[in-house]
Amino acid sequence: MGWLSSLGSVFKGGKEVAEVFVENKENKGQRKHEEVMADVDRDLASLQQFSKEFHDRQNRTRWDSFVDGLNRLPRPLITIAILSFFVLAPLNPTKFLEIAQAYNLMPEGYWTLLSVIIGFYFGGRMQIKMQDMAVKKDAVQAAKNLVAMRKSFRQLNLDEESTASKQFDAITESSGKPKNKVVEEWKKIKGGAG
C-alpha cells in the first residue's frame, strides 16, 4: 500500500506542476463567482444607500424638513433674481441703474467667488444630467442594435428553413416518400426497376 500513497503524491505533484502552466478551470470558476458576488453585494449596498437617501425617513423632524427645503432653494432663487433684473430694467430704469452701480462697486474677488460657486452649483447638475442623457442614448442605441441583430438572425433562420424545405420537396416523389438517390442508382445497376 505504500506504493499507492507514493503514486498519489506523484500525481498530486504533477497536478501542481501542471497548474503552473495551465490554470485550474474549477478554481478559476470559483474565483470568478466570488468576484461577481462581491460586485453584486457592492451594487446592492449602493442601491440600499440611495434608497435611504431618496425615500421618506421614518424619524424625520421639522429641522430635517427645514434643511431639505433650504437645500432646494438656491437654484430657484438665483434664477428668479436674475430674471427679476430683466423685468426691473424696463419698468424702473433708475432703480435698475442704482442696483447695477452698486454691483459695479463690488471688488473683483467677490465676482470670481460668486462665479465659481454658481458655476459649480449649476455646472455639476448640468454635468450629471448630460452624463445621464449620454447613458440613456447609449442604451437606446444598444437596444436598436440588439433588435436589428435579432431580426437578421430570424431572417437567416427563415432562409435556412425555406432552403431545406425546398431541397426536401425536390427529392420527394409524388407519393410523398423521399427519394434516395443512392438506392435508385443501385437499383439501376442491378437492373431492377426504379
C-alpha atoms as a PDB file:
ATOM      1  CA  MET A   1       0.000   0.000   0.000  1.00  0.00           C
ATOM      2  CA  GLY A   2       2.997   2.279   0.416  1.00  0.00           C
ATOM      3  CA  TRP A   3       3.489   2.452  -3.303  1.00  0.00           C
ATOM      4  CA  LEU A   4      -0.115   3.646  -3.754  1.00  0.00           C
ATOM      5  CA  SER A   5       0.430   6.615  -1.454  1.00  0.00           C
ATOM      6  CA  SER A   6       3.697   7.482  -3.236  1.00  0.00           C
ATOM      7  CA  LEU A   7       1.908   7.194  -6.588  1.00  0.00           C
ATOM      8  CA  GLY A   8      -0.805   9.534  -5.263  1.00  0.00           C
ATOM      9  CA  SER A   9       1.802  12.067  -4.179  1.00  0.00           C
ATOM     10  CA  VAL A  10       3.419  11.849  -7.645  1.00  0.00           C
ATOM     11  CA  PHE A  11       0.055  12.606  -9.272  1.00  0.00           C
ATOM     12  CA  LYS A  12      -0.564  15.422  -6.802  1.00  0.00           C
ATOM     13  CA  GLY A  13       2.848  16.886  -7.605  1.00  0.00           C
ATOM     14  CA  GLY A  14       2.138  16.529 -11.329  1.00  0.00           C
ATOM     15  CA  LYS A  15      -1.154  18.349 -10.849  1.00  0.00           C
ATOM     16  CA  GLU A  16       0.585  21.204  -9.027  1.00  0.00           C
ATOM     17  CA  VAL A  17       3.215  21.492 -11.767  1.00  0.00           C
ATOM     18  CA  ALA A  18       0.536  21.428 -14.467  1.00  0.00           C
ATOM     19  CA  GLU A  19      -1.364  24.201 -12.702  1.00  0.00           C
ATOM     20  CA  VAL A  20       1.706  26.403 -13.022  1.00  0.00           C
ATOM     21  CA  PHE A  21       1.308  26.306 -16.815  1.00  0.00           C
ATOM     22  CA  VAL A  22      -2.450  25.764 -17.200  1.00  0.00           C
ATOM     23  CA  GLU A  23      -4.994  27.460 -14.979  1.00  0.00           C
ATOM     24  CA  ASN A  24      -7.293  25.212 -12.978  1.00  0.00           C
ATOM     25  CA  LYS A  25     -10.723  25.848 -14.509  1.00  0.00           C
ATOM     26  CA  GLU A  26     -12.595  24.875 -11.360  1.00  0.00           C
ATOM     27  CA  ASN A  27     -10.608  27.327  -9.242  1.00  0.00           C
ATOM     28  CA  LYS A  28     -10.980  29.967 -11.954  1.00  0.00           C
ATOM     29  CA  GLY A  29     -14.753  29.478 -11.955  1.00  0.00           C
ATOM     30  CA  GLN A  30     -14.844  29.743  -8.168  1.00  0.00           C
ATOM     31  CA  ARG A  31     -12.800  32.979  -8.222  1.00  0.00           C
ATOM     32  CA  LYS A  32     -14.998  34.416 -10.971  1.00  0.00           C
ATOM     33  CA  HIS A  33     -18.113  33.538  -8.981  1.00  0.00           C
ATOM     34  CA  GLU A  34     -16.689  35.219  -5.868  1.00  0.00           C
ATOM     35  CA  GLU A  35     -15.817  38.351  -7.871  1.00  0.00           C
ATOM     36  CA  VAL A  36     -19.312  38.529  -9.352  1.00  0.00           C
ATOM     37  CA  MET A  37     -20.920  38.032  -5.940  1.00  0.00           C
ATOM     38  CA  ALA A  38     -18.685  40.756  -4.457  1.00  0.00           C
ATOM     39  CA  ASP A  39     -19.784  43.103  -7.271  1.00  0.00           C
ATOM     40  CA  VAL A  40     -23.428  42.210  -6.643  1.00  0.00           C
ATOM     41  CA  ASP A  41     -23.027  42.842  -2.909  1.00  0.00           C
ATOM     42  CA  ARG A  42     -21.369  46.199  -3.621  1.00  0.00           C
ATOM     43  CA  ASP A  43     -24.151  47.176  -6.040  1.00  0.00           C
ATOM     44  CA  LEU A  44     -26.834  46.161  -3.562  1.00  0.00           C
ATOM     45  CA  ALA A  45     -25.172  48.218  -0.827  1.00  0.00           C
ATOM     46  CA  SER A  46     -25.088  51.249  -3.147  1.00  0.00           C
ATOM     47  CA  LEU A  47     -28.731  50.795  -4.080  1.00  0.00           C
ATOM     48  CA  GLN A  48     -29.731  50.486  -0.434  1.00  0.00           C
ATOM     49  CA  GLN A  49     -27.810  53.671   0.370  1.00  0.00           C
ATOM     50  CA  PHE A  50     -29.512  55.524  -2.499  1.00  0.00           C
ATOM     51  CA  SER A  51     -32.925  54.239  -1.446  1.00  0.00           C
ATOM     52  CA  LYS A  52     -32.331  55.513   2.080  1.00  0.00           C
ATOM     53  CA  GLU A  53     -31.429  58.940   0.711  1.00  0.00           C
ATOM     54  CA  PHE A  54     -34.442  59.275  -1.575  1.00  0.00           C
ATOM     55  CA  HIS A  55     -37.211  57.649   0.458  1.00  0.00           C
ATOM     56  CA  ASP A  56     -39.011  59.308   3.303  1.00  0.00           C
ATOM     57  CA  ARG A  57     -37.210  58.826   6.575  1.00  0.00           C
ATOM     58  CA  GLN A  58     -39.186  57.395   9.486  1.00  0.00           C
ATOM     59  CA  ASN A  59     -37.901  59.701  12.236  1.00  0.00           C
ATOM     60  CA  ARG A  60     -37.929  62.928  10.236  1.00  0.00           C
ATOM     61  CA  THR A  61     -38.028  66.091  12.356  1.00  0.00           C
ATOM     62  CA  ARG A  62     -39.104  69.600  11.451  1.00  0.00           C
ATOM     63  CA  TRP A  63     -35.446  70.606  11.392  1.00  0.00           C
ATOM     64  CA  ASP A  64     -34.725  67.924   8.736  1.00  0.00           C
ATOM     65  CA  SER A  65     -37.597  69.241   6.618  1.00  0.00           C
ATOM     66  CA  PHE A  66     -36.367  72.816   7.029  1.00  0.00           C
ATOM     67  CA  VAL A  67     -32.798  71.940   5.975  1.00  0.00           C
ATOM     68  CA  ASP A  68     -34.062  69.930   2.979  1.00  0.00           C
ATOM     69  CA  GLY A  69     -36.128  72.949   1.955  1.00  0.00           C
ATOM     70  CA  LEU A  70     -33.080  75.233   2.246  1.00  0.00           C
ATOM     71  CA  ASN A  71     -31.062  72.843   0.076  1.00  0.00           C
ATOM     72  CA  ARG A  72     -33.668  73.149  -2.653  1.00  0.00           C
ATOM     73  CA  LEU A  73     -33.893  76.967  -2.584  1.00  0.00           C
ATOM     74  CA  PRO A  74     -30.649  78.284  -4.208  1.00  0.00           C
ATOM     75  CA  ARG A  75     -31.339  77.344  -7.821  1.00  0.00           C
ATOM     76  CA  PRO A  76     -34.841  78.828  -7.965  1.00  0.00           C
ATOM     77  CA  LEU A  77     -33.782  81.935  -6.022  1.00  0.00           C
ATOM     78  CA  ILE A  78     -30.789  82.627  -8.276  1.00  0.00           C
ATOM     79  CA  THR A  79     -32.929  82.136 -11.375  1.00  0.00           C
ATOM     80  CA  ILE A  80     -35.720  84.388 -10.070  1.00  0.00           C
ATOM     81  CA  ALA A  81     -33.208  87.093  -9.043  1.00  0.00           C
ATOM     82  CA  ILE A  82     -31.571  87.178 -12.481  1.00  0.00           C
ATOM     83  CA  LEU A  83     -34.899  87.219 -14.298  1.00  0.00           C
ATOM     84  CA  SER A  84     -36.180  89.984 -11.993  1.00  0.00           C
ATOM     85  CA  PHE A  85     -33.342  92.273 -13.190  1.00  0.00           C
ATOM     86  CA  PHE A  86     -34.541  91.852 -16.765  1.00  0.00           C
ATOM     87  CA  VAL A  87     -38.073  92.734 -15.643  1.00  0.00           C
ATOM     88  CA  LEU A  88     -36.884  95.669 -13.482  1.00  0.00           C
ATOM     89  CA  ALA A  89     -34.796  97.286 -16.255  1.00  0.00           C
ATOM     90  CA  PRO A  90     -37.715  98.440 -18.450  1.00  0.00           C
ATOM     91  CA  LEU A  91     -40.152  99.023 -15.554  1.00  0.00           C
ATOM     92  CA  ASN A  92     -37.903 101.198 -13.357  1.00  0.00           C
ATOM     93  CA  PRO A  93     -34.685 102.161 -15.165  1.00  0.00           C
ATOM     94  CA  THR A  94     -33.407 104.436 -12.384  1.00  0.00           C
ATOM     95  CA  LYS A  95     -33.693 101.715  -9.739  1.00  0.00           C
ATOM     96  CA  PHE A  96     -32.021  99.252 -12.127  1.00  0.00           C
ATOM     97  CA  LEU A  97     -29.169 101.754 -12.668  1.00  0.00           C
ATOM     98  CA  GLU A  98     -28.676 102.163  -8.902  1.00  0.00           C
ATOM     99  CA  ILE A  99     -28.518  98.376  -8.437  1.00  0.00           C
ATOM    100  CA  ALA A 100     -26.113  97.982 -11.370  1.00  0.00           C
ATOM    101  CA  GLN A 101     -23.801 100.701  -9.983  1.00  0.00           C
ATOM    102  CA  ALA A 102     -23.855  99.034  -6.560  1.00  0.00           C
ATOM    103  CA  TYR A 103     -22.788  95.748  -8.126  1.00  0.00           C
ATOM    104  CA  ASN A 104     -20.131  97.602 -10.110  1.00  0.00           C
ATOM    105  CA  LEU A 105     -18.563  98.761  -6.813  1.00  0.00           C
ATOM    106  CA  MET A 106     -18.060  95.153  -5.628  1.00  0.00           C
ATOM    107  CA  PRO A 107     -14.391  94.008  -5.684  1.00  0.00           C
ATOM    108  CA  GLU A 108     -13.242  91.603  -8.403  1.00  0.00           C
ATOM    109  CA  GLY A 109     -12.610  88.760  -5.923  1.00  0.00           C
ATOM    110  CA  TYR A 110     -16.274  88.650  -4.900  1.00  0.00           C
ATOM    111  CA  TRP A 111     -17.342  88.290  -8.515  1.00  0.00           C
ATOM    112  CA  THR A 112     -14.839  85.484  -9.007  1.00  0.00           C
ATOM    113  CA  LEU A 113     -16.060  83.716  -5.879  1.00  0.00           C
ATOM    114  CA  LEU A 114     -19.694  84.103  -6.921  1.00  0.00           C
ATOM    115  CA  SER A 115     -18.924  82.823 -10.409  1.00  0.00           C
ATOM    116  CA  VAL A 116     -17.126  79.767  -9.041  1.00  0.00           C
ATOM    117  CA  ILE A 117     -19.935  78.944  -6.605  1.00  0.00           C
ATOM    118  CA  ILE A 118     -22.677  79.311  -9.205  1.00  0.00           C
ATOM    119  CA  GLY A 119     -20.575  77.536 -11.830  1.00  0.00           C
ATOM    120  CA  PHE A 120     -20.036  74.517  -9.602  1.00  0.00           C
ATOM    121  CA  TYR A 121     -23.608  74.573  -8.358  1.00  0.00           C
ATOM    122  CA  PHE A 122     -25.251  74.675 -11.780  1.00  0.00           C
ATOM    123  CA  GLY A 123     -22.389  73.079 -13.709  1.00  0.00           C
ATOM    124  CA  GLY A 124     -22.314  69.971 -11.536  1.00  0.00           C
ATOM    125  CA  ARG A 125     -26.037  69.497 -12.025  1.00  0.00           C
ATOM    126  CA  MET A 126     -25.705  70.053 -15.770  1.00  0.00           C
ATOM    127  CA  GLN A 127     -22.846  67.533 -15.990  1.00  0.00           C
ATOM    128  CA  ILE A 128     -24.869  64.897 -14.140  1.00  0.00           C
ATOM    129  CA  LYS A 129     -27.820  65.455 -16.485  1.00  0.00           C
ATOM    130  CA  MET A 130     -25.583  65.291 -19.571  1.00  0.00           C
ATOM    131  CA  GLN A 131     -23.978  62.041 -18.388  1.00  0.00           C
ATOM    132  CA  ASP A 132     -27.405  60.607 -17.651  1.00  0.00           C
ATOM    133  CA  MET A 133     -28.587  61.531 -21.155  1.00  0.00           C
ATOM    134  CA  ALA A 134     -25.422  60.028 -22.702  1.00  0.00           C
ATOM    135  CA  VAL A 135     -26.012  56.756 -20.849  1.00  0.00           C
ATOM    136  CA  LYS A 136     -29.639  56.693 -21.979  1.00  0.00           C
ATOM    137  CA  LYS A 137     -28.579  57.457 -25.561  1.00  0.00           C
ATOM    138  CA  ASP A 138     -26.073  54.590 -25.480  1.00  0.00           C
ATOM    139  CA  ALA A 139     -28.695  52.272 -24.014  1.00  0.00           C
ATOM    140  CA  VAL A 140     -31.174  53.205 -26.752  1.00  0.00           C
ATOM    141  CA  GLN A 141     -28.543  52.600 -29.430  1.00  0.00           C
ATOM    142  CA  ALA A 142     -27.639  49.223 -27.893  1.00  0.00           C
ATOM    143  CA  ALA A 143     -31.317  48.257 -27.864  1.00  0.00           C
ATOM    144  CA  LYS A 144     -31.675  49.243 -31.525  1.00  0.00           C
ATOM    145  CA  ASN A 145     -28.603  47.174 -32.414  1.00  0.00           C
ATOM    146  CA  LEU A 146     -29.981  44.189 -30.500  1.00  0.00           C
ATOM    147  CA  VAL A 147     -33.339  44.407 -32.282  1.00  0.00           C
ATOM    148  CA  ALA A 148     -31.606  44.619 -35.670  1.00  0.00           C
ATOM    149  CA  MET A 149     -29.372  41.647 -34.828  1.00  0.00           C
ATOM    150  CA  ARG A 150     -32.330  39.530 -33.728  1.00  0.00           C
ATOM    151  CA  LYS A 151     -34.209  40.457 -36.871  1.00  0.00           C
ATOM    152  CA  SER A 152     -31.256  39.394 -39.035  1.00  0.00           C
ATOM    153  CA  PHE A 153     -30.960  36.086 -37.122  1.00  0.00           C
ATOM    154  CA  ARG A 154     -34.657  35.409 -37.653  1.00  0.00           C
ATOM    155  CA  GLN A 155     -34.248  36.158 -41.347  1.00  0.00           C
ATOM    156  CA  LEU A 156     -31.283  33.778 -41.544  1.00  0.00           C
ATOM    157  CA  ASN A 157     -33.290  31.043 -39.831  1.00  0.00           C
ATOM    158  CA  LEU A 158     -36.206  31.573 -42.217  1.00  0.00           C
ATOM    159  CA  ASP A 159     -33.856  31.451 -45.210  1.00  0.00           C
ATOM    160  CA  GLU A 160     -32.257  28.211 -43.973  1.00  0.00           C
ATOM    161  CA  GLU A 161     -35.655  26.613 -43.307  1.00  0.00           C
ATOM    162  CA  SER A 162     -37.000  27.559 -46.726  1.00  0.00           C
ATOM    163  CA  THR A 163     -33.849  26.235 -48.440  1.00  0.00           C
ATOM    164  CA  ALA A 164     -34.041  22.958 -46.522  1.00  0.00           C
ATOM    165  CA  SER A 165     -37.744  22.557 -47.270  1.00  0.00           C
ATOM    166  CA  LYS A 166     -37.123  23.280 -50.993  1.00  0.00           C
ATOM    167  CA  GLN A 167     -34.413  20.620 -51.065  1.00  0.00           C
ATOM    168  CA  PHE A 168     -36.724  18.143 -49.338  1.00  0.00           C
ATOM    169  CA  ASP A 169     -39.521  18.950 -51.778  1.00  0.00           C
ATOM    170  CA  ALA A 170     -37.165  18.461 -54.713  1.00  0.00           C
ATOM    171  CA  ILE A 171     -36.206  14.921 -53.677  1.00  0.00           C
ATOM    172  CA  THR A 172     -39.694  13.852 -52.610  1.00  0.00           C
ATOM    173  CA  GLU A 173     -41.723  11.750 -55.002  1.00  0.00           C
ATOM    174  CA  SER A 174     -45.341  12.408 -55.758  1.00  0.00           C
ATOM    175  CA  SER A 175     -46.298   9.681 -53.290  1.00  0.00           C
ATOM    176  CA  GLY A 176     -44.834  11.735 -50.512  1.00  0.00           C
ATOM    177  CA  LYS A 177     -41.897   9.424 -49.781  1.00  0.00           C
ATOM    178  CA  PRO A 178     -38.399  10.867 -50.024  1.00  0.00           C
ATOM    179  CA  LYS A 179     -36.289   9.640 -52.897  1.00  0.00           C
ATOM    180  CA  ASN A 180     -32.916   8.125 -52.047  1.00  0.00           C
ATOM    181  CA  LYS A 181     -30.557   8.758 -54.953  1.00  0.00           C
ATOM    182  CA  VAL A 182     -28.097   6.065 -53.816  1.00  0.00           C
ATOM    183  CA  VAL A 183     -30.814   3.417 -53.697  1.00  0.00           C
ATOM    184  CA  GLU A 184     -32.125   4.477 -57.117  1.00  0.00           C
ATOM    185  CA  GLU A 185     -28.626   4.197 -58.651  1.00  0.00           C
ATOM    186  CA  TRP A 186     -28.122   0.767 -57.073  1.00  0.00           C
ATOM    187  CA  LYS A 187     -31.431  -0.420 -58.491  1.00  0.00           C
ATOM    188  CA  LYS A 188     -30.396   0.776 -61.954  1.00  0.00           C
ATOM    189  CA  ILE A 189     -27.042  -1.023 -61.709  1.00  0.00           C
ATOM    190  CA  LYS A 190     -28.658  -4.265 -60.560  1.00  0.00           C
ATOM    191  CA  GLY A 191     -31.164  -3.957 -63.357  1.00  0.00           C
ATOM    192  CA  GLY A 192     -34.150  -3.624 -61.133  1.00  0.00           C
ATOM    193  CA  ALA A 193     -36.994  -1.289 -61.858  1.00  0.00           C
ATOM    194  CA  GLY A 194     -36.762   2.111 -60.210  1.00  0.00           C
END
